[in-house]
């Protein structure tokens, strides 16, 4: 770290300590809320979402050949194939904006083009079948359909736009990736597929949340989740013993640890800041009052849709929590257009998410990605609000 950066950090900490009015109740509440949000994040997402995702990312980095990644996600892959695979990924994964990050980093570093990679980054949390069904049931079929269609269209448009605007940089990157694509396969395609399917299923079942209704298929899966997860872990152990040597297993663990070291500190810092500014979704403890947010996103004006998009982009939503939050905001006067704008921007990106994307893509591409999401969410909200009116 340069001396200039050290000085900047010291000055920032000093000004914060000097200027923040810690004696005000709202500030004190926001500080406590920030740590509550970090605790909630650690309890509900790190063990059962992020850690499995880190191991999947480490597996991608070690056991998926660069040739395979380039074949389906490379910059020269047929667009209909690359973006179709990326845009429907969320229907299987059902992850949040933070859990998708290790998976995104894994495929991008293995040679995926910026277009398919960012389409996957957006679609992973956005094209979530459970969230879309819940949206339609609680908030109305119109919002559910608009969310489903909008999320898939977003994934295509964002990916294609990123690829077009970063064409010169990606051409050189694709060339370098192609040079290292020849790798010896140590396992059959069927064994590799079974291995990754097991990892993905462990992630899905370990993170399976309690459904609202105490009966039915989803509740049955919830009751059996730990038996299913335990069985899958035993199956994974058998695969590692039979199909992988010790050096490969250690390399997989090392790669997973590398992703954890890079991503976890940034995520926790982002969650802390998001909690301080807006608090946990079900509370009023953040620095920005929830009733103020509800007032500024009423109606269907350009400003209301833009504010909803920006709030959604920076606020952290755990998977499926955006629906009850919006239910409350709609009851407080939020317009239909801003509601869709928040649904399309919120679950896909967040402040913690942005910090990690920046470490993978750099400042320019991160700003471009976030700006595209906010602009498209704003326009979609305006159109939807006009149709509903």
Protein backbone atom coordinates (compact mmCIF):
# COMPACT_ATOMS: atom_id res chain seq x y z
CA UNK A 1 0.00 0.00 0.00
CA UNK A 2 1.38 3.41 -0.97
CA UNK A 3 2.01 6.14 1.58
CA UNK A 4 -0.65 8.31 -0.09
CA UNK A 5 -3.29 5.62 0.46
CA UNK A 6 -2.24 5.18 4.09
CA UNK A 7 -2.60 8.92 4.61
CA UNK A 8 -6.02 8.91 2.90
CA UNK A 9 -7.29 6.11 5.16
CA UNK A 10 -5.99 7.87 8.27
CA UNK A 11 -7.63 11.16 7.28
CA UNK A 12 -10.91 9.37 6.47
CA UNK A 13 -11.00 7.63 9.87
CA UNK A 14 -10.14 10.90 11.65
CA UNK A 15 -12.86 12.87 9.85
CA UNK A 16 -15.41 10.13 10.57
CA UNK A 17 -14.51 10.13 14.26
CA UNK A 18 -14.57 13.94 14.37
CA UNK A 19 -17.72 14.68 12.36
CA UNK A 20 -20.17 11.78 12.87
CA UNK A 21 -22.75 12.83 15.50
CA UNK A 22 -22.55 9.74 17.67
CA UNK A 23 -24.74 11.39 20.32
CA UNK A 24 -27.80 11.25 18.03
CA UNK A 25 -30.18 8.34 18.54
CA UNK A 26 -30.56 7.69 14.81
CA UNK A 27 -26.79 7.32 14.37
CA UNK A 28 -26.46 5.05 17.41
CA UNK A 29 -29.31 2.89 16.13
CA UNK A 30 -27.73 2.69 12.67
CA UNK A 31 -24.39 1.54 14.11
CA UNK A 32 -26.06 -1.21 16.15
CA UNK A 33 -28.15 -2.16 13.11
CA UNK A 34 -25.01 -2.51 10.99
CA UNK A 35 -23.56 -5.10 13.37
CA UNK A 36 -26.90 -6.90 13.65
CA UNK A 37 -26.96 -7.17 9.86
CA UNK A 38 -23.43 -8.58 9.77
CA UNK A 39 -24.42 -11.12 12.43
CA UNK A 40 -27.56 -12.08 10.51
CA UNK A 41 -25.54 -12.40 7.31
CA UNK A 42 -22.96 -14.61 9.03
CA UNK A 43 -25.61 -16.87 10.56
CA UNK A 44 -27.85 -17.28 7.53
CA UNK A 45 -25.57 -17.04 4.49
CA UNK A 46 -21.91 -17.77 5.18
CA UNK A 47 -22.09 -21.42 6.29
CA UNK A 48 -24.80 -22.70 3.99
CA UNK A 49 -24.48 -20.42 0.94
CA UNK A 50 -21.05 -18.86 0.61
CA UNK A 51 -18.86 -21.75 1.75
CA UNK A 52 -20.44 -24.22 -0.73
CA UNK A 53 -20.13 -21.51 -3.40
CA UNK A 54 -16.41 -21.07 -2.63
CA UNK A 55 -15.86 -24.80 -3.09
CA UNK A 56 -17.76 -24.75 -6.39
CA UNK A 57 -15.63 -21.80 -7.55
CA UNK A 58 -12.47 -23.65 -6.52
CA UNK A 59 -13.66 -26.69 -8.45
CA UNK A 60 -14.29 -24.57 -11.54
CA UNK A 61 -10.79 -23.11 -11.25
CA UNK A 62 -9.18 -26.57 -11.01
CA UNK A 63 -11.36 -29.17 -12.67
CA UNK A 64 -13.21 -27.41 -15.48
CA UNK A 65 -10.97 -27.22 -18.49
CA UNK A 66 -10.42 -23.81 -19.99
CA UNK A 67 -11.53 -25.27 -23.30
CA UNK A 68 -14.94 -26.14 -21.83
CA UNK A 69 -15.47 -22.65 -20.39
CA UNK A 70 -14.45 -21.02 -23.67
CA UNK A 71 -16.73 -23.43 -25.57
CA UNK A 72 -19.87 -22.29 -23.72
CA UNK A 73 -18.98 -18.85 -22.33
CA UNK A 74 -16.10 -17.60 -24.47
CA UNK A 75 -16.20 -14.34 -26.37
CA UNK A 76 -16.27 -16.21 -29.69
CA UNK A 77 -19.04 -18.64 -28.71
CA UNK A 78 -22.31 -18.34 -30.61
CA UNK A 79 -24.26 -15.66 -28.79
CA UNK A 80 -27.53 -17.58 -28.60
CA UNK A 81 -25.75 -20.46 -26.85
CA UNK A 82 -23.59 -18.44 -24.45
CA UNK A 83 -26.33 -16.06 -23.32
CA UNK A 84 -29.01 -18.73 -23.15
CA UNK A 85 -26.88 -20.84 -20.79
CA UNK A 86 -26.00 -17.76 -18.69
CA UNK A 87 -29.50 -16.31 -18.53
CA UNK A 88 -31.24 -19.46 -17.25
CA UNK A 89 -28.60 -20.29 -14.62
CA UNK A 90 -30.65 -18.74 -11.84
CA UNK A 91 -33.46 -21.25 -12.31
CA UNK A 92 -31.08 -23.93 -11.00
CA UNK A 93 -28.89 -22.06 -8.53
CA UNK A 94 -31.42 -19.82 -6.70
CA UNK A 95 -28.57 -17.83 -5.13
CA UNK A 96 -28.36 -14.28 -3.80
CA UNK A 97 -26.22 -11.45 -5.20
CA UNK A 98 -23.31 -12.40 -2.91
CA UNK A 99 -23.35 -16.19 -3.31
CA UNK A 100 -23.12 -15.88 -7.10
CA UNK A 101 -19.82 -13.94 -6.85
CA UNK A 102 -17.39 -16.85 -6.36
CA UNK A 103 -19.05 -18.71 -9.24
CA UNK A 104 -18.80 -15.64 -11.48
CA UNK A 105 -15.14 -15.10 -10.55
CA UNK A 106 -14.40 -18.75 -11.27
CA UNK A 107 -15.79 -18.84 -14.81
CA UNK A 108 -14.42 -15.39 -15.68
CA UNK A 109 -10.88 -16.33 -14.68
CA UNK A 110 -11.13 -19.55 -16.67
CA UNK A 111 -11.73 -17.62 -19.87
CA UNK A 112 -15.44 -16.73 -20.02
CA UNK A 113 -16.13 -13.63 -22.11
CA UNK A 114 -17.20 -10.46 -20.32
CA UNK A 115 -20.64 -10.64 -21.97
CA UNK A 116 -21.65 -14.19 -20.94
CA UNK A 117 -19.93 -13.77 -17.56
CA UNK A 118 -21.89 -10.61 -16.66
CA UNK A 119 -25.09 -12.15 -18.02
CA UNK A 120 -24.48 -15.02 -15.59
CA UNK A 121 -23.62 -12.55 -12.81
CA UNK A 122 -26.96 -10.79 -13.24
CA UNK A 123 -29.11 -13.83 -13.98
CA UNK A 124 -27.80 -16.02 -11.16
CA UNK A 125 -29.77 -14.19 -8.44
CA UNK A 126 -32.38 -12.50 -10.68
CA UNK A 127 -33.84 -15.47 -12.60
CA UNK A 128 -34.92 -17.31 -9.47
CA UNK A 129 -38.02 -19.46 -10.04
CA UNK A 130 -38.99 -19.54 -6.37
CA UNK A 131 -38.69 -15.74 -6.06
CA UNK A 132 -40.72 -15.18 -9.23
CA UNK A 133 -43.49 -17.54 -8.07
CA UNK A 134 -43.55 -15.85 -4.66
CA UNK A 135 -43.73 -12.43 -6.34
CA UNK A 136 -46.71 -13.49 -8.45
CA UNK A 137 -48.57 -15.03 -5.52
CA UNK A 138 -48.07 -12.17 -3.04
CA UNK A 139 -47.62 -9.05 -5.18
CA UNK A 140 -49.79 -10.01 -8.16
CA UNK A 141 -49.31 -11.98 -11.36
CA UNK A 142 -48.53 -8.79 -13.30
CA UNK A 143 -45.42 -8.07 -11.23
CA UNK A 144 -44.44 -11.75 -11.30
CA UNK A 145 -44.60 -11.96 -15.10
CA UNK A 146 -42.88 -8.59 -15.54
CA UNK A 147 -40.09 -9.68 -13.20
CA UNK A 148 -39.53 -12.98 -15.01
CA UNK A 149 -39.49 -11.45 -18.49
CA UNK A 150 -37.48 -8.42 -17.38
CA UNK A 151 -34.78 -10.48 -15.66
CA UNK A 152 -34.16 -12.72 -18.68
CA UNK A 153 -34.15 -9.76 -21.09
CA UNK A 154 -31.82 -7.86 -18.74
CA UNK A 155 -29.33 -10.74 -18.72
CA UNK A 156 -29.15 -10.74 -22.53
CA UNK A 157 -29.03 -6.96 -22.95
CA UNK A 158 -26.50 -6.34 -20.18
CA UNK A 159 -24.22 -9.11 -21.42
CA UNK A 160 -24.38 -8.01 -25.06
CA UNK A 161 -23.81 -4.36 -24.11
CA UNK A 162 -20.84 -5.19 -21.88
CA UNK A 163 -19.32 -7.30 -24.66
CA UNK A 164 -19.79 -4.48 -27.21
CA UNK A 165 -18.37 -1.73 -24.99
CA UNK A 166 -15.38 -3.82 -23.87
CA UNK A 167 -14.65 -5.39 -27.26
CA UNK A 168 -11.00 -4.31 -27.61
CA UNK A 169 -10.00 -5.47 -24.12
CA UNK A 170 -11.85 -8.76 -24.50
CA UNK A 171 -10.24 -9.59 -27.85
CA UNK A 172 -6.78 -9.72 -26.24
CA UNK A 173 -8.11 -11.62 -23.24
CA UNK A 174 -9.81 -14.19 -25.48
CA UNK A 175 -6.60 -14.67 -27.44
CA UNK A 176 -4.61 -15.41 -24.27
CA UNK A 177 -7.28 -17.76 -22.96
CA UNK A 178 -7.33 -19.71 -26.23
CA UNK A 179 -3.56 -20.26 -26.04
CA UNK A 180 -3.90 -22.07 -22.71
CA UNK A 181 -7.05 -23.98 -23.52
CA UNK A 182 -5.41 -27.32 -24.32
CA UNK A 183 -5.58 -29.36 -21.09
CA UNK A 184 -5.56 -33.07 -20.42
CA UNK A 185 -8.84 -34.40 -19.03
CA UNK A 186 -8.25 -36.82 -16.11
CA UNK A 187 -11.91 -37.77 -15.72
CA UNK A 188 -14.69 -38.67 -18.10
CA UNK A 189 -17.28 -35.97 -18.89
CA UNK A 190 -19.85 -38.02 -16.96
CA UNK A 191 -17.68 -38.07 -13.83
CA UNK A 192 -17.05 -34.31 -14.04
CA UNK A 193 -20.76 -33.64 -14.51
CA UNK A 194 -21.69 -35.85 -11.54
CA UNK A 195 -19.09 -34.13 -9.36
CA UNK A 196 -20.36 -30.63 -10.15
CA UNK A 197 -24.01 -31.69 -9.90
CA UNK A 198 -23.29 -32.99 -6.39
CA UNK A 199 -21.64 -29.69 -5.38
CA UNK A 200 -24.54 -27.64 -6.76
CA UNK A 201 -27.14 -29.84 -5.03
CA UNK A 202 -25.27 -29.47 -1.73
CA UNK A 203 -25.50 -25.69 -2.15
CA UNK A 204 -29.21 -25.85 -3.03
CA UNK A 205 -30.30 -28.11 -0.18
CA UNK A 206 -28.04 -26.58 2.48
CA UNK A 207 -29.46 -23.14 1.71
CA UNK A 208 -33.08 -24.30 1.38
CA UNK A 209 -35.25 -21.94 3.44
CA UNK A 210 -38.42 -22.65 5.36
CA UNK A 211 -41.47 -22.08 3.10
CA UNK A 212 -44.39 -19.93 4.20
CA UNK A 213 -46.83 -22.87 4.12
CA UNK A 214 -46.23 -25.76 6.51
CA UNK A 215 -47.43 -28.35 4.01
CA UNK A 216 -46.64 -29.38 0.45
CA UNK A 217 -43.56 -30.29 -1.59
CA UNK A 218 -41.37 -27.35 -0.52
CA UNK A 219 -41.99 -28.05 3.17
CA UNK A 220 -41.17 -31.74 2.66
CA UNK A 221 -37.86 -30.81 1.05
CA UNK A 222 -37.15 -28.42 3.94
CA UNK A 223 -37.75 -31.17 6.49
CA UNK A 224 -35.44 -33.54 4.60
CA UNK A 225 -32.77 -30.98 3.69
CA UNK A 226 -30.10 -32.16 6.15
CA UNK A 227 -30.61 -35.82 5.29
CA UNK A 228 -30.26 -34.95 1.61
CA UNK A 229 -27.23 -32.75 2.26
CA UNK A 230 -25.58 -35.43 4.40
CA UNK A 231 -26.12 -38.06 1.72
CA UNK A 232 -24.66 -35.77 -0.91
CA UNK A 233 -21.60 -35.10 1.27
CA UNK A 234 -21.02 -38.84 1.59
CA UNK A 235 -21.34 -39.17 -2.19
CA UNK A 236 -18.87 -36.30 -2.64
CA UNK A 237 -16.41 -38.02 -0.32
CA UNK A 238 -16.65 -41.21 -2.40
CA UNK A 239 -16.03 -39.24 -5.61
CA UNK A 240 -12.98 -37.50 -4.17
CA UNK A 241 -11.55 -40.84 -3.00
CA UNK A 242 -12.23 -42.69 -6.24
CA UNK A 243 -11.70 -40.07 -8.94
CA UNK A 244 -9.20 -37.52 -7.56
CA UNK A 245 -5.67 -37.86 -6.24
CA UNK A 246 -4.45 -36.13 -3.10
CA UNK A 247 -2.68 -33.32 -4.95
CA UNK A 248 -5.85 -32.45 -6.86
CA UNK A 249 -7.94 -32.38 -3.69
CA UNK A 250 -5.42 -30.10 -1.97
CA UNK A 251 -5.33 -27.82 -5.01
CA UNK A 252 -9.14 -27.62 -4.91
CA UNK A 253 -9.09 -26.62 -1.23
CA UNK A 254 -6.35 -24.04 -1.87
CA UNK A 255 -8.28 -22.47 -4.75
CA UNK A 256 -11.45 -22.32 -2.64
CA UNK A 257 -9.48 -20.62 0.15
CA UNK A 258 -8.09 -18.08 -2.34
CA UNK A 259 -11.63 -17.10 -3.35
CA UNK A 260 -12.67 -16.86 0.30
CA UNK A 261 -9.71 -14.59 1.15
CA UNK A 262 -10.49 -12.25 -1.71
CA UNK A 263 -14.26 -12.09 -1.37
CA UNK A 264 -15.22 -12.47 2.30
CA UNK A 265 -13.60 -9.29 3.72
CA UNK A 266 -15.16 -7.13 0.98
CA UNK A 267 -18.56 -8.73 1.45
CA UNK A 268 -18.59 -8.23 5.22
CA UNK A 269 -17.45 -4.62 4.86
CA UNK A 270 -20.20 -3.99 2.32
CA UNK A 271 -22.86 -5.62 4.52
CA UNK A 272 -21.72 -3.45 7.44
CA UNK A 273 -22.10 -0.25 5.40
CA UNK A 274 -25.43 -1.33 3.92
CA UNK A 275 -26.74 -2.14 7.39
CA UNK A 276 -25.63 1.26 8.68
CA UNK A 277 -27.36 3.15 5.87
CA UNK A 278 -30.59 1.20 5.50
CA UNK A 279 -30.74 -1.33 8.30
CA UNK A 280 -32.09 -4.83 8.09
CA UNK A 281 -35.10 -5.20 5.77
CA UNK A 282 -37.61 -5.81 8.56
CA UNK A 283 -36.41 -3.02 10.89
CA UNK A 284 -36.40 0.79 11.07
CA UNK A 285 -32.92 1.16 12.52
CA UNK A 286 -30.89 2.34 9.52
CA UNK A 287 -29.67 5.88 8.99
CA UNK A 288 -32.19 6.36 6.15
CA UNK A 289 -35.75 5.89 7.49
CA UNK A 290 -37.92 3.33 5.66
CA UNK A 291 -40.93 5.67 5.63
CA UNK A 292 -38.84 8.26 3.80
CA UNK A 293 -37.96 5.67 1.15
CA UNK A 294 -41.64 4.81 0.75
CA UNK A 295 -42.52 8.48 0.20
CA UNK A 296 -39.94 9.15 -2.50
CA UNK A 297 -40.89 6.08 -4.56
CA UNK A 298 -44.63 6.82 -4.79
CA UNK A 299 -46.26 7.31 -8.19
CA UNK A 300 -44.54 6.56 -11.48
CA UNK A 301 -42.27 9.52 -12.12
CA UNK A 302 -38.77 9.23 -13.54
CA UNK A 303 -37.30 10.24 -10.18
CA UNK A 304 -39.36 7.64 -8.28
CA UNK A 305 -38.20 4.82 -10.59
CA UNK A 306 -34.60 6.04 -10.53
CA UNK A 307 -34.56 6.24 -6.73
CA UNK A 308 -36.08 2.75 -6.47
CA UNK A 309 -33.42 1.39 -8.84
CA UNK A 310 -30.56 3.04 -6.95
CA UNK A 311 -31.88 1.92 -3.55
CA UNK A 312 -32.31 -1.59 -4.89
CA UNK A 313 -28.80 -1.56 -6.34
CA UNK A 314 -27.13 -0.61 -3.05
CA UNK A 315 -29.35 -2.41 -0.54
CA UNK A 316 -28.59 -6.05 0.31
CA UNK A 317 -31.44 -8.53 -0.13
CA UNK A 318 -31.13 -12.12 1.01
CA UNK A 319 -32.86 -14.54 -1.37
CA UNK A 320 -36.68 -14.15 -1.28
CA UNK A 321 -36.65 -11.33 1.32
CA UNK A 322 -37.34 -8.69 -1.33
CA UNK A 323 -40.98 -9.85 -1.67
CA UNK A 324 -42.18 -9.14 1.91
CA UNK A 325 -40.16 -5.89 1.89
CA UNK A 326 -41.94 -4.74 -1.27
CA UNK A 327 -45.26 -5.83 0.16
CA UNK A 328 -44.71 -3.38 3.00
CA UNK A 329 -43.51 -0.59 0.71
CA UNK A 330 -46.48 -1.03 -1.64
CA UNK A 331 -48.76 -0.79 1.36
CA UNK A 332 -47.03 2.49 2.27
CA UNK A 333 -47.71 4.03 -1.13
CA UNK A 334 -44.95 2.76 -3.43
CA UNK A 335 -45.91 2.79 -7.12
CA UNK A 336 -46.08 -0.33 -9.29
CA UNK A 337 -43.35 0.94 -11.61
CA UNK A 338 -40.81 1.64 -8.84
CA UNK A 339 -41.70 -1.74 -7.32
CA UNK A 340 -40.63 -3.51 -10.53
CA UNK A 341 -37.53 -1.30 -10.77
CA UNK A 342 -36.48 -2.37 -7.28
CA UNK A 343 -37.23 -6.03 -8.06
CA UNK A 344 -35.03 -5.96 -11.16
CA UNK A 345 -32.12 -4.08 -9.57
CA UNK A 346 -32.23 -5.20 -5.93
CA UNK A 347 -31.79 -8.98 -5.86
CA UNK A 348 -29.13 -8.94 -8.60
CA UNK A 349 -26.66 -6.40 -7.19
CA UNK A 350 -25.84 -4.81 -3.85
CA UNK A 351 -23.12 -2.72 -2.24
CA UNK A 352 -21.21 -5.81 -0.97
CA UNK A 353 -21.62 -7.34 -4.42
CA UNK A 354 -20.16 -4.24 -6.13
CA UNK A 355 -17.02 -4.25 -3.98
CA UNK A 356 -16.23 -7.81 -5.02
CA UNK A 357 -17.07 -7.25 -8.70
CA UNK A 358 -14.61 -4.34 -8.66
CA UNK A 359 -11.83 -6.65 -7.42
CA UNK A 360 -12.50 -9.00 -10.37
CA UNK A 361 -13.37 -6.62 -13.23
CA UNK A 362 -11.81 -3.31 -12.19
CA UNK A 363 -13.40 0.10 -11.72
CA UNK A 364 -14.51 0.85 -15.28
CA UNK A 365 -16.32 -2.41 -15.99
CA UNK A 366 -17.94 -2.44 -12.55
CA UNK A 367 -19.31 1.09 -12.98
CA UNK A 368 -20.54 0.15 -16.44
CA UNK A 369 -22.30 -2.99 -15.18
CA UNK A 370 -24.01 -1.23 -12.26
CA UNK A 371 -25.03 1.73 -14.45
CA UNK A 372 -26.61 -0.59 -17.01
CA UNK A 373 -28.63 -2.36 -14.31
CA UNK A 374 -29.87 0.93 -12.81
CA UNK A 375 -30.76 2.51 -16.18
CA UNK A 376 -32.58 -0.57 -17.46
CA UNK A 377 -34.45 -1.04 -14.18
CA UNK A 378 -35.54 2.61 -14.28
CA UNK A 379 -36.80 2.38 -17.86
CA UNK A 380 -38.57 -0.93 -17.17
CA UNK A 381 -40.26 0.57 -14.13
CA UNK A 382 -41.47 3.56 -16.11
CA UNK A 383 -42.94 1.35 -18.85
CA UNK A 384 -44.57 -1.05 -16.42
CA UNK A 385 -46.01 1.76 -14.31
CA UNK A 386 -47.49 3.38 -17.42
CA UNK A 387 -49.07 0.10 -18.55
CA UNK A 388 -50.52 -0.57 -15.09
CA UNK A 389 -51.93 2.95 -14.87
